[in-house]
Amino acid sequence: MNSSVIVFPGSNCDRDIAVALEKLQFKNRMVWHKDSDLPKSDLIVIPGGFSYGDYLRSGAIAAKSNIINEVIKAANHGCLILGVCNGFQILIETGLLKGALLRNKNLKFLSKDVFVKVVKNDNKFCKKYKSGQIIKLNIAHNEGNYFINSENLKKLEDKNLIAFKYCNQKGEINEGSNPNGSLNNIAGIFNENKNILGMMPHPERMVDKTISSEDGINLFSSLLG
């Protein structure tokens, strides 16, 4: 399976994503944001980091980069797109995903492991998980507080477009298990065709038991099946 990781000035999780993909035998290419040609790709990943130093809004400048036009075209033709953390912010800024990512509720940068619940597994990104499965992933963000208006929230819920929700170790979804203030504890969402996933937690940081855990590996292995 061919994958491409888009690299911006300030990306700092691009190599982590590449390691995760290569561990599962993806044929991966790193693509500089100023490129105008995108390699043939079954999966495109927009990684975490601080593209352009998070000036203006997080992801706002990166969303105007040359390669993003090609990413949008690929997405509209059904290519799988994964945006993690800053990548999620960039997907929001491009309009490929709906909503907004605001400052964390405590106005502080968060870097810690959290529990998230897999809401549904009837999609290409989560099919190796069980619906309702609780996994531990890492977060590292300043603007991860997901918000969307009530009309579009209803669409997300009615069409099963919420991928992950923050929870506690017991799987309880409440204010106490919400690290950043996200509406309804939302940690990740799909577009209507479910070929685009944006998520704040980092699955690529959880693919090796030696240094963390393997709770994130099934997201990548799901894409191979």
Protein backbone atom coordinates (compact mmCIF):
# COMPACT_ATOMS: atom_id res chain seq x y z
CA MET A 1 0.00 0.00 0.00
CA ASN A 2 1.40 3.38 -1.00
CA SER A 3 1.40 6.21 1.52
CA SER A 4 2.54 9.82 1.49
CA VAL A 5 3.33 11.99 4.52
CA ILE A 6 3.08 15.73 3.94
CA VAL A 7 5.86 17.74 5.62
CA PHE A 8 5.54 21.42 6.54
CA PRO A 9 7.97 23.84 8.22
CA GLY A 10 7.33 23.02 11.87
CA SER A 11 6.10 19.45 11.40
CA ASN A 12 7.59 17.36 14.20
CA CYS A 13 5.67 14.08 14.05
CA ASP A 14 6.30 13.31 10.38
CA ARG A 15 9.12 10.84 11.13
CA ASP A 16 7.05 9.14 13.83
CA ILE A 17 4.26 8.58 11.33
CA ALA A 18 6.75 7.29 8.75
CA VAL A 19 8.19 4.80 11.26
CA ALA A 20 4.69 3.53 12.10
CA LEU A 21 3.78 3.13 8.43
CA GLU A 22 7.04 1.43 7.50
CA LYS A 23 6.69 -0.95 10.44
CA LEU A 24 3.53 -2.22 8.74
CA GLN A 25 5.21 -2.39 5.31
CA PHE A 26 3.57 0.67 3.76
CA LYS A 27 5.59 1.98 0.82
CA ASN A 28 5.96 5.49 2.15
CA ARG A 29 7.09 8.77 0.62
CA MET A 30 7.78 12.06 2.40
CA VAL A 31 6.30 14.98 0.42
CA TRP A 32 7.45 18.58 0.94
CA HIS A 33 4.60 21.08 1.19
CA LYS A 34 5.89 23.20 -1.71
CA ASP A 35 5.71 20.28 -4.13
CA SER A 36 2.93 20.42 -6.66
CA ASP A 37 2.95 16.72 -7.58
CA LEU A 38 1.67 14.04 -5.25
CA PRO A 39 2.99 10.47 -5.61
CA LYS A 40 0.42 7.78 -6.31
CA SER A 41 -1.03 7.25 -2.85
CA ASP A 42 -3.60 5.00 -1.21
CA LEU A 43 -3.16 6.94 2.04
CA ILE A 44 -2.10 10.53 2.68
CA VAL A 45 -1.10 11.57 6.19
CA ILE A 46 -0.90 15.14 7.47
CA PRO A 47 1.16 14.82 10.64
CA GLY A 48 1.29 16.66 13.93
CA GLY A 49 3.55 19.53 14.85
CA PHE A 50 3.39 23.29 14.67
CA SER A 51 3.20 24.12 10.97
CA TYR A 52 4.45 27.65 10.42
CA GLY A 53 4.79 28.03 14.19
CA ASP A 54 0.99 28.05 14.58
CA TYR A 55 0.88 31.70 13.52
CA LEU A 56 -2.60 33.06 12.81
CA ARG A 57 -4.74 30.01 13.61
CA SER A 58 -3.19 26.56 13.92
CA GLY A 59 -3.04 25.05 10.43
CA ALA A 60 -4.29 28.19 8.67
CA ILE A 61 -1.10 28.90 6.70
CA ALA A 62 -0.36 25.25 5.95
CA ALA A 63 -3.85 24.89 4.46
CA LYS A 64 -2.73 27.28 1.68
CA SER A 65 0.41 25.32 0.73
CA ASN A 66 0.91 24.09 -2.85
CA ILE A 67 0.47 20.41 -2.13
CA ILE A 68 -2.85 20.89 -0.34
CA ASN A 69 -4.62 21.38 -3.67
CA GLU A 70 -3.50 17.90 -4.66
CA VAL A 71 -4.52 16.50 -1.27
CA ILE A 72 -8.01 17.95 -1.70
CA LYS A 73 -8.30 16.46 -5.20
CA ALA A 74 -7.17 13.06 -3.92
CA ALA A 75 -9.62 13.26 -1.01
CA ASN A 76 -12.49 14.08 -3.35
CA HIS A 77 -11.58 11.00 -5.42
CA GLY A 78 -11.79 8.75 -2.36
CA CYS A 79 -8.16 8.55 -1.26
CA LEU A 80 -7.76 7.80 2.45
CA ILE A 81 -6.64 10.89 4.38
CA LEU A 82 -5.45 10.90 7.99
CA GLY A 83 -4.79 14.15 9.86
CA VAL A 84 -3.31 13.88 13.35
CA CYS A 85 -3.22 16.82 15.79
CA ASN A 86 -1.92 19.72 13.67
CA GLY A 87 -2.98 17.60 10.69
CA PHE A 88 -6.54 17.62 12.05
CA GLN A 89 -6.32 21.40 12.40
CA ILE A 90 -5.14 21.67 8.79
CA LEU A 91 -8.00 19.47 7.53
CA ILE A 92 -10.45 21.76 9.35
CA GLU A 93 -8.84 24.82 7.75
CA THR A 94 -9.09 23.29 4.26
CA GLY A 95 -12.80 22.59 4.74
CA LEU A 96 -12.33 18.84 4.26
CA LEU A 97 -13.66 18.41 7.81
CA LYS A 98 -16.22 20.55 9.58
CA GLY A 99 -15.92 22.37 12.88
CA ALA A 100 -13.20 24.29 14.67
CA LEU A 101 -10.37 23.52 17.08
CA LEU A 102 -10.20 26.12 19.83
CA ARG A 103 -7.81 26.77 22.71
CA ASN A 104 -7.85 24.09 25.40
CA LYS A 105 -10.33 24.89 28.18
CA ASN A 106 -7.54 25.51 30.73
CA LEU A 107 -5.60 27.66 28.21
CA LYS A 108 -2.53 25.46 28.71
CA PHE A 109 -0.60 23.15 26.41
CA LEU A 110 -1.42 19.52 27.19
CA SER A 111 1.02 16.64 26.81
CA LYS A 112 -0.07 13.37 28.39
CA ASP A 113 -1.59 9.97 27.78
CA VAL A 114 -5.38 9.81 27.70
CA PHE A 115 -8.02 7.15 27.23
CA VAL A 116 -10.29 7.28 24.21
CA LYS A 117 -13.21 5.14 23.17
CA VAL A 118 -13.60 3.79 19.63
CA VAL A 119 -17.16 4.89 18.87
CA LYS A 120 -17.73 2.71 15.79
CA ASN A 121 -15.55 0.28 13.86
CA ASP A 122 -17.56 0.18 10.63
CA ASN A 123 -14.98 2.17 8.72
CA LYS A 124 -11.60 1.64 7.09
CA PHE A 125 -9.63 3.28 9.92
CA CYS A 126 -11.03 1.39 12.91
CA LYS A 127 -12.09 -2.06 11.71
CA LYS A 128 -9.30 -3.82 13.64
CA TYR A 129 -10.70 -2.34 16.85
CA LYS A 130 -13.97 -3.31 18.52
CA SER A 131 -16.79 -0.78 18.73
CA GLY A 132 -16.64 0.67 22.23
CA GLN A 133 -13.03 -0.44 22.77
CA ILE A 134 -11.02 1.71 25.17
CA ILE A 135 -7.47 2.53 24.08
CA LYS A 136 -4.72 4.73 25.47
CA LEU A 137 -3.13 7.33 23.18
CA ASN A 138 -0.97 10.40 23.69
CA ILE A 139 -2.07 14.00 23.21
CA ALA A 140 0.16 17.05 22.77
CA HIS A 141 -1.72 20.19 21.77
CA ASN A 142 -2.71 23.71 22.69
CA GLU A 143 -5.76 23.99 20.42
CA GLY A 144 -7.58 20.68 20.65
CA ASN A 145 -10.93 21.87 21.95
CA TYR A 146 -13.29 20.66 19.20
CA PHE A 147 -16.39 22.73 18.52
CA ILE A 148 -19.14 22.56 15.93
CA ASN A 149 -22.61 24.11 15.71
CA SER A 150 -25.65 22.15 16.83
CA GLU A 151 -26.90 21.45 13.31
CA ASN A 152 -23.63 19.88 12.18
CA LEU A 153 -23.16 18.09 15.51
CA LYS A 154 -26.48 16.34 14.88
CA LYS A 155 -25.21 15.30 11.43
CA LEU A 156 -22.02 13.89 12.97
CA GLU A 157 -24.07 11.89 15.44
CA ASP A 158 -26.84 10.78 13.05
CA LYS A 159 -24.38 9.64 10.38
CA ASN A 160 -21.94 7.98 12.83
CA LEU A 161 -19.13 10.36 11.86
CA ILE A 162 -17.61 10.61 15.35
CA ALA A 163 -14.59 8.31 15.41
CA PHE A 164 -13.25 8.65 18.96
CA LYS A 165 -14.35 10.19 22.26
CA TYR A 166 -12.26 10.98 25.30
CA CYS A 167 -13.14 8.73 28.24
CA ASN A 168 -11.66 7.41 31.47
CA GLN A 169 -10.13 3.98 32.05
CA LYS A 170 -13.59 2.54 32.66
CA GLY A 171 -14.90 3.99 29.40
CA GLU A 172 -17.00 6.67 31.07
CA ILE A 173 -17.50 9.74 28.88
CA ASN A 174 -17.98 12.82 31.05
CA GLU A 175 -16.49 16.20 31.91
CA GLY A 176 -13.89 14.61 34.15
CA SER A 177 -12.52 12.52 31.29
CA ASN A 178 -12.44 15.45 28.87
CA PRO A 179 -8.88 16.87 28.78
CA ASN A 180 -9.42 19.93 26.59
CA GLY A 181 -13.10 20.90 26.68
CA SER A 182 -14.07 19.32 23.35
CA LEU A 183 -17.79 19.32 22.66
CA ASN A 184 -19.28 15.97 23.72
CA ASN A 185 -15.73 14.70 24.42
CA ILE A 186 -15.06 14.40 20.68
CA ALA A 187 -11.48 13.34 19.91
CA GLY A 188 -11.77 12.53 16.21
CA ILE A 189 -14.24 12.79 13.32
CA PHE A 190 -14.82 11.54 9.77
CA ASN A 191 -16.09 13.26 6.67
CA GLU A 192 -19.38 11.99 5.26
CA ASN A 193 -17.68 9.38 3.03
CA LYS A 194 -15.48 8.21 5.92
CA ASN A 195 -12.34 8.33 3.80
CA ILE A 196 -11.00 11.27 5.85
CA LEU A 197 -10.21 11.02 9.56
CA GLY A 198 -9.06 13.89 11.73
CA MET A 199 -8.03 13.19 15.32
CA MET A 200 -6.15 15.01 18.08
CA PRO A 201 -4.58 11.96 19.84
CA HIS A 202 -1.42 10.47 18.29
CA PRO A 203 -1.78 6.81 17.25
CA GLU A 204 1.76 6.81 15.79
CA ARG A 205 3.21 7.24 19.28
CA MET A 206 1.62 3.99 20.42
CA VAL A 207 2.97 1.36 18.04
CA ASP A 208 5.80 -0.16 20.11
CA LYS A 209 5.44 -1.82 23.52
CA THR A 210 9.10 -1.11 24.31
CA ILE A 211 8.61 2.66 24.46
CA SER A 212 4.85 3.06 25.00
CA SER A 213 2.14 0.61 23.96
CA GLU A 214 0.64 -0.82 20.80
CA ASP A 215 -2.82 0.69 21.19
CA GLY A 216 -2.37 2.82 18.08
CA ILE A 217 -1.13 0.14 15.72
CA ASN A 218 -4.56 -1.20 14.80
CA LEU A 219 -5.47 2.10 13.19
CA PHE A 220 -2.67 1.61 10.68
CA SER A 221 -3.22 -2.14 10.28
CA SER A 222 -6.94 -1.49 9.64
CA LEU A 223 -5.97 0.45 6.52
CA LEU A 224 -4.19 -2.57 5.07
CA GLY A 225 -7.13 -4.93 5.28
